[in-house]
Amino acid sequence: MGPRIVLLGAPGSGKGTQGRRLAERYGIPLVSTGEILREAVGRGTPLGRSVKERMEQGMLVSDETMIDLAGERLGRGDVRGGFILDGFPRTLPQAEALDRLLGGLGRPLMAAAYLRVPAEVVATRLSARLECPTCRRTYNPSGLPPRRSGVCDDDGAGLVTRQDDDAGSVRRRIEVYAAETAVLRGYYERSGRLLEVDADRDPEGVFADLVAALDGAAAGRAGT
């Protein structure tokens, strides 16, 4: 049985990089908000069309919609042995709904791992980030470079700079994170599930600390 965890951290903190590595180590799915939304849009359902319209307008998807989409995803068989959530929950209502959902399934969340990175470091990382225009996978030369320079590992498309990684957009995203998502740290800390890791280091060191923290949390719960 693998861990059931949420990854917290500002855009550019390394959640995608560490999430993929943790998923591989524990043999469990990495479930990202991007994956959930792209799948909803791809299905072409009324809900998917609504999601697409909001995304094209640069608007956030509502809490209610994200809770419904995440609930459907977490009800599938591949997550019964554990999962890693990246990008959900984003708000306190989403976190509370996630706890209710997982409690009803008898698979409560084990921990929320917060990747702590200074705002100025986040801004630098985001400005260097590249994205595949086809599958939307992101890369960073300092943390998660592609195997071939400038080319996506998955589909061979040429990588581009993300349109929302200009200086103004980066500042706005950090502000939005601070105003909305950072409150989740307090929520998980009050329930004793917050694990905080210094992510302003090389990815190998961050990964080692994450694994140690998660394995320690799992051992602690097994002993209670």
Protein backbone atom coordinates (compact mmCIF):
# COMPACT_ATOMS: atom_id res chain seq x y z
CA MET A 1 0.00 0.00 0.00
CA GLY A 2 1.48 3.31 -1.08
CA PRO A 3 0.95 6.74 0.47
CA ARG A 4 -2.07 8.96 -0.16
CA ILE A 5 -0.66 12.46 -0.28
CA VAL A 6 -1.20 16.00 -1.49
CA LEU A 7 1.73 18.05 -2.80
CA LEU A 8 1.62 21.71 -1.82
CA GLY A 9 3.84 24.50 -3.07
CA ALA A 10 3.87 27.60 -5.20
CA PRO A 11 4.08 27.33 -9.01
CA GLY A 12 7.70 26.49 -9.77
CA SER A 13 8.37 24.85 -6.40
CA GLY A 14 9.03 21.50 -8.08
CA LYS A 15 5.76 19.66 -7.45
CA GLY A 16 5.68 18.14 -10.94
CA THR A 17 9.29 16.95 -10.75
CA GLN A 18 8.99 15.47 -7.29
CA GLY A 19 5.51 14.08 -7.93
CA ARG A 20 6.71 12.03 -10.89
CA ARG A 21 9.66 10.69 -8.89
CA LEU A 22 7.49 9.77 -5.91
CA ALA A 23 4.95 8.06 -8.17
CA GLU A 24 7.70 5.94 -9.66
CA ARG A 25 9.20 5.06 -6.28
CA TYR A 26 5.93 3.98 -4.69
CA GLY A 27 4.29 2.60 -7.82
CA ILE A 28 1.20 4.78 -7.51
CA PRO A 29 -0.50 7.28 -9.85
CA LEU A 30 0.38 10.96 -9.96
CA VAL A 31 -2.95 12.74 -10.38
CA SER A 32 -2.57 16.34 -11.50
CA THR A 33 -5.16 19.05 -11.94
CA GLY A 34 -3.97 19.44 -15.52
CA GLU A 35 -4.63 15.78 -16.24
CA ILE A 36 -8.11 15.95 -14.72
CA LEU A 37 -9.07 19.07 -16.66
CA ARG A 38 -7.63 17.89 -19.99
CA GLU A 39 -9.54 14.63 -19.65
CA ALA A 40 -12.77 16.48 -18.90
CA VAL A 41 -12.31 18.69 -21.96
CA GLY A 42 -11.40 15.71 -24.13
CA ARG A 43 -14.60 13.86 -23.24
CA GLY A 44 -16.66 16.71 -24.65
CA THR A 45 -19.39 16.41 -22.03
CA PRO A 46 -21.40 19.48 -20.99
CA LEU A 47 -19.18 19.75 -17.92
CA GLY A 48 -16.09 19.37 -20.11
CA ARG A 49 -17.26 22.10 -22.48
CA SER A 50 -17.88 24.40 -19.51
CA VAL A 51 -14.36 23.69 -18.22
CA LYS A 52 -12.89 24.41 -21.66
CA GLU A 53 -14.71 27.72 -21.91
CA ARG A 54 -13.47 28.89 -18.52
CA MET A 55 -9.91 27.81 -19.26
CA GLU A 56 -9.90 29.59 -22.62
CA GLN A 57 -11.03 32.76 -20.84
CA GLY A 58 -8.20 32.42 -18.33
CA MET A 59 -10.62 31.79 -15.47
CA LEU A 60 -10.24 29.33 -12.61
CA VAL A 61 -12.58 26.34 -12.57
CA SER A 62 -15.05 26.57 -9.68
CA ASP A 63 -14.56 24.64 -6.45
CA GLU A 64 -17.75 22.67 -7.10
CA THR A 65 -16.60 21.56 -10.55
CA MET A 66 -13.10 20.64 -9.40
CA ILE A 67 -14.51 18.64 -6.47
CA ASP A 68 -16.80 16.70 -8.83
CA LEU A 69 -13.97 16.00 -11.28
CA ALA A 70 -11.50 14.98 -8.57
CA GLY A 71 -14.11 12.78 -6.92
CA GLU A 72 -14.68 10.91 -10.17
CA ARG A 73 -10.94 10.43 -10.67
CA LEU A 74 -10.31 9.23 -7.12
CA GLY A 75 -13.11 6.71 -7.40
CA ARG A 76 -11.19 4.68 -9.97
CA GLY A 77 -9.44 1.42 -9.16
CA ASP A 78 -5.89 2.52 -9.94
CA VAL A 79 -5.75 4.84 -6.89
CA ARG A 80 -6.86 2.28 -4.32
CA GLY A 81 -3.25 1.46 -3.49
CA GLY A 82 -2.27 5.10 -3.05
CA PHE A 83 -1.92 8.32 -5.03
CA ILE A 84 -0.18 11.68 -5.24
CA LEU A 85 -2.30 14.78 -5.87
CA ASP A 86 -0.67 17.78 -7.56
CA GLY A 87 -2.79 20.93 -7.87
CA PHE A 88 -5.80 19.67 -5.93
CA PRO A 89 -6.96 20.78 -3.46
CA ARG A 90 -6.31 24.43 -4.25
CA THR A 91 -8.70 26.03 -1.75
CA LEU A 92 -9.96 25.25 1.73
CA PRO A 93 -13.42 24.10 0.53
CA GLN A 94 -11.68 21.69 -1.86
CA ALA A 95 -9.51 20.34 0.99
CA GLU A 96 -12.53 19.81 3.23
CA ALA A 97 -14.40 18.09 0.40
CA LEU A 98 -11.39 15.85 -0.29
CA ASP A 99 -11.31 14.71 3.34
CA ARG A 100 -15.03 13.90 3.24
CA LEU A 101 -14.63 12.01 -0.03
CA LEU A 102 -11.65 9.94 1.11
CA GLY A 103 -13.20 9.33 4.51
CA GLY A 104 -16.28 7.92 2.81
CA LEU A 105 -14.06 5.63 0.76
CA GLY A 106 -12.23 4.45 3.88
CA ARG A 107 -8.91 5.74 2.49
CA PRO A 108 -8.09 8.95 4.40
CA LEU A 109 -5.33 11.28 3.28
CA MET A 110 -2.02 10.40 4.92
CA ALA A 111 -0.14 13.68 4.54
CA ALA A 112 0.26 16.98 2.74
CA ALA A 113 3.86 17.62 1.70
CA TYR A 114 4.71 21.31 1.39
CA LEU A 115 7.67 22.25 -0.82
CA ARG A 116 9.03 25.48 0.65
CA VAL A 117 10.75 27.83 -1.83
CA PRO A 118 11.35 31.61 -1.54
CA ALA A 119 9.25 33.75 -3.90
CA GLU A 120 12.30 35.16 -5.70
CA VAL A 121 13.55 31.64 -6.45
CA VAL A 122 10.13 30.64 -7.76
CA ALA A 123 10.13 33.63 -10.12
CA THR A 124 13.56 32.68 -11.48
CA ARG A 125 12.55 29.07 -12.00
CA LEU A 126 9.34 29.97 -13.81
CA SER A 127 11.10 32.33 -16.17
CA ALA A 128 13.30 29.44 -17.34
CA ARG A 129 10.51 26.89 -17.71
CA LEU A 130 9.62 25.29 -21.05
CA GLU A 131 6.45 23.51 -22.11
CA CYS A 132 5.39 21.03 -24.76
CA PRO A 133 2.67 22.75 -26.84
CA THR A 134 1.07 19.36 -27.57
CA CYS A 135 0.88 17.46 -24.27
CA ARG A 136 1.56 20.44 -21.94
CA ARG A 137 4.29 18.64 -20.02
CA THR A 138 6.69 21.15 -18.46
CA TYR A 139 10.49 21.08 -18.17
CA ASN A 140 13.08 23.14 -16.36
CA PRO A 141 16.76 23.09 -17.33
CA SER A 142 17.86 23.21 -13.69
CA GLY A 143 15.48 20.62 -12.29
CA LEU A 144 13.78 18.51 -14.94
CA PRO A 145 15.46 18.95 -18.34
CA PRO A 146 14.28 17.03 -21.41
CA ARG A 147 16.41 14.10 -22.55
CA ARG A 148 17.10 15.97 -25.80
CA SER A 149 17.51 19.72 -25.59
CA GLY A 150 14.42 21.59 -26.74
CA VAL A 151 12.38 18.44 -27.48
CA CYS A 152 9.56 16.83 -25.46
CA ASP A 153 10.39 13.37 -24.10
CA ASP A 154 6.84 12.12 -24.70
CA ASP A 155 5.95 13.19 -28.24
CA GLY A 156 9.02 14.84 -29.77
CA ALA A 157 7.41 18.25 -30.16
CA GLY A 158 9.58 21.35 -29.92
CA LEU A 159 9.43 22.98 -26.49
CA VAL A 160 8.30 26.58 -26.06
CA THR A 161 8.25 29.17 -23.30
CA ARG A 162 4.93 29.16 -21.49
CA GLN A 163 2.79 32.17 -22.33
CA ASP A 164 1.92 32.70 -18.67
CA ASP A 165 5.55 32.72 -17.51
CA ASP A 166 6.27 36.39 -18.28
CA ALA A 167 7.27 38.55 -15.31
CA GLY A 168 3.83 40.06 -14.75
CA SER A 169 2.02 36.73 -14.92
CA VAL A 170 4.55 35.12 -12.57
CA ARG A 171 3.99 37.82 -9.95
CA ARG A 172 0.21 37.44 -10.21
CA ARG A 173 0.38 33.67 -9.84
CA ILE A 174 2.56 33.92 -6.75
CA GLU A 175 0.12 36.44 -5.27
CA VAL A 176 -2.86 34.17 -6.04
CA TYR A 177 -1.05 31.24 -4.45
CA ALA A 178 -0.25 33.25 -1.32
CA ALA A 179 -3.84 34.47 -1.01
CA GLU A 180 -5.63 31.17 -1.65
CA THR A 181 -3.57 28.03 -1.52
CA ALA A 182 -1.18 28.87 1.32
CA VAL A 183 -4.10 28.64 3.78
CA LEU A 184 -4.03 24.89 3.21
CA ARG A 185 -0.79 24.66 5.17
CA GLY A 186 -2.64 25.72 8.30
CA TYR A 187 -5.49 23.32 7.60
CA TYR A 188 -3.20 20.30 7.34
CA GLU A 189 -0.91 21.47 10.14
CA ARG A 190 -3.83 21.61 12.57
CA SER A 191 -4.66 17.98 11.81
CA GLY A 192 -1.03 16.86 12.17
CA ARG A 193 -0.66 15.92 8.51
CA LEU A 194 1.66 18.66 7.22
CA LEU A 195 5.17 17.68 6.15
CA GLU A 196 7.42 20.63 5.24
CA VAL A 197 10.51 20.21 3.07
CA ASP A 198 13.09 22.80 2.01
CA ALA A 199 12.84 22.69 -1.81
CA ASP A 200 15.38 25.43 -2.51
CA ARG A 201 18.05 22.80 -3.19
CA ASP A 202 19.03 20.25 -5.78
CA PRO A 203 16.17 17.88 -6.73
CA GLU A 204 18.01 14.83 -5.39
CA GLY A 205 18.21 16.28 -1.89
CA VAL A 206 14.58 17.37 -1.96
CA PHE A 207 13.49 13.91 -3.08
CA ALA A 208 15.50 12.18 -0.35
CA ASP A 209 13.93 14.37 2.32
CA LEU A 210 10.43 13.82 0.92
CA VAL A 211 10.84 10.05 0.97
CA ALA A 212 12.21 10.12 4.53
CA ALA A 213 9.32 12.32 5.69
CA LEU A 214 6.66 10.19 3.98
CA ASP A 215 8.11 6.91 5.19
CA GLY A 216 8.33 8.33 8.70
CA ALA A 217 4.70 9.47 8.58
CA ALA A 218 3.58 6.07 7.31
CA ALA A 219 5.50 4.28 10.06
CA GLY A 220 4.00 6.58 12.68
CA ARG A 221 0.46 5.87 11.54
CA ALA A 222 1.12 2.15 11.38
CA GLY A 223 2.22 2.23 15.01
CA THR A 224 -0.90 3.96 16.28
